[in-house]
Amino acid sequence: MLNNIGLPGLLLIAVVVLVLFGRGKISSLMGEVGKGITAFKKGVDDGKKELDEQLSDEVAKDVTPEDEDTKA
């Protein structure tokens, strides 16, 4: 059903949305969408940093034996 929309159908939908909501409402809505995307990307970056810190802490642990008898 949605495969047959095409460019004219999309333009018609855009015009109807513009008439219903007005230019100001649509621009503020797009601004909010942009803020949401920015916040999402920041959250993903913070999560990656946190995981990298956890991994580097685990890798950087000292694994040398404490007594001389266990050395190879």
Protein backbone atom coordinates (compact mmCIF):
# COMPACT_ATOMS: atom_id res chain seq x y z
CA MET A 1 0.00 0.00 0.00
CA LEU A 2 2.73 2.48 0.97
CA ASN A 3 4.89 1.46 -1.97
CA ASN A 4 2.64 3.36 -4.40
CA ILE A 5 2.77 6.81 -2.76
CA GLY A 6 5.48 8.32 -4.96
CA LEU A 7 6.65 11.93 -5.13
CA PRO A 8 3.27 13.54 -5.93
CA GLY A 9 1.69 11.78 -2.95
CA LEU A 10 4.46 12.91 -0.63
CA LEU A 11 4.12 16.50 -1.84
CA LEU A 12 0.37 16.37 -1.25
CA ILE A 13 0.90 15.06 2.27
CA ALA A 14 3.46 17.81 2.97
CA VAL A 15 1.04 20.51 1.77
CA VAL A 16 -1.81 19.12 3.89
CA VAL A 17 0.42 19.01 6.99
CA LEU A 18 1.60 22.56 6.32
CA VAL A 19 -1.99 23.80 5.97
CA LEU A 20 -3.16 21.99 9.10
CA PHE A 21 -0.35 22.95 11.45
CA GLY A 22 1.12 26.11 9.97
CA ARG A 23 4.72 26.99 9.34
CA GLY A 24 5.50 28.15 12.89
CA LYS A 25 4.24 24.99 14.52
CA ILE A 26 6.15 22.75 12.10
CA SER A 27 9.43 24.68 12.57
CA SER A 28 9.13 24.47 16.36
CA LEU A 29 8.36 20.77 16.08
CA MET A 30 11.42 20.21 13.90
CA GLY A 31 13.50 22.16 16.43
CA GLU A 32 12.33 19.81 19.16
CA VAL A 33 13.12 16.80 16.98
CA GLY A 34 16.63 18.18 16.43
CA LYS A 35 17.12 18.66 20.18
CA GLY A 36 15.97 15.09 20.75
CA ILE A 37 18.40 13.72 18.20
CA THR A 38 21.23 15.75 19.74
CA ALA A 39 20.38 14.47 23.23
CA PHE A 40 20.23 10.89 21.93
CA LYS A 41 23.65 11.17 20.29
CA LYS A 42 25.09 12.69 23.48
CA GLY A 43 23.67 9.79 25.49
CA VAL A 44 25.15 7.24 23.10
CA ASP A 45 28.56 8.95 23.28
CA ASP A 46 28.42 9.05 27.09
CA GLY A 47 27.53 5.36 27.16
CA LYS A 48 30.45 4.52 24.88
CA LYS A 49 32.83 6.52 27.08
CA GLU A 50 31.57 4.74 30.19
CA LEU A 51 32.02 1.32 28.58
CA ASP A 52 35.50 2.24 27.37
CA GLU A 53 36.46 3.37 30.88
CA GLN A 54 35.17 0.13 32.38
CA LEU A 55 37.05 -1.95 29.81
CA SER A 56 40.28 -0.01 30.27
CA ASP A 57 40.00 -0.44 34.06
CA GLU A 58 39.60 -4.19 33.65
CA VAL A 59 42.47 -4.49 31.16
CA ALA A 60 44.83 -2.28 33.17
CA LYS A 61 44.63 -4.40 36.34
CA ASP A 62 47.96 -5.67 37.65
CA VAL A 63 48.09 -9.42 37.11
CA THR A 64 51.66 -10.04 38.22
CA PRO A 65 52.08 -12.75 40.87
CA GLU A 66 52.72 -11.55 44.41
CA ASP A 67 55.23 -14.15 45.55
CA GLU A 68 58.38 -15.39 43.87
CA ASP A 69 57.30 -19.08 43.78
CA THR A 70 54.48 -18.53 41.30
CA LYS A 71 56.63 -16.76 38.69
CA ALA A 72 57.40 -18.73 35.54
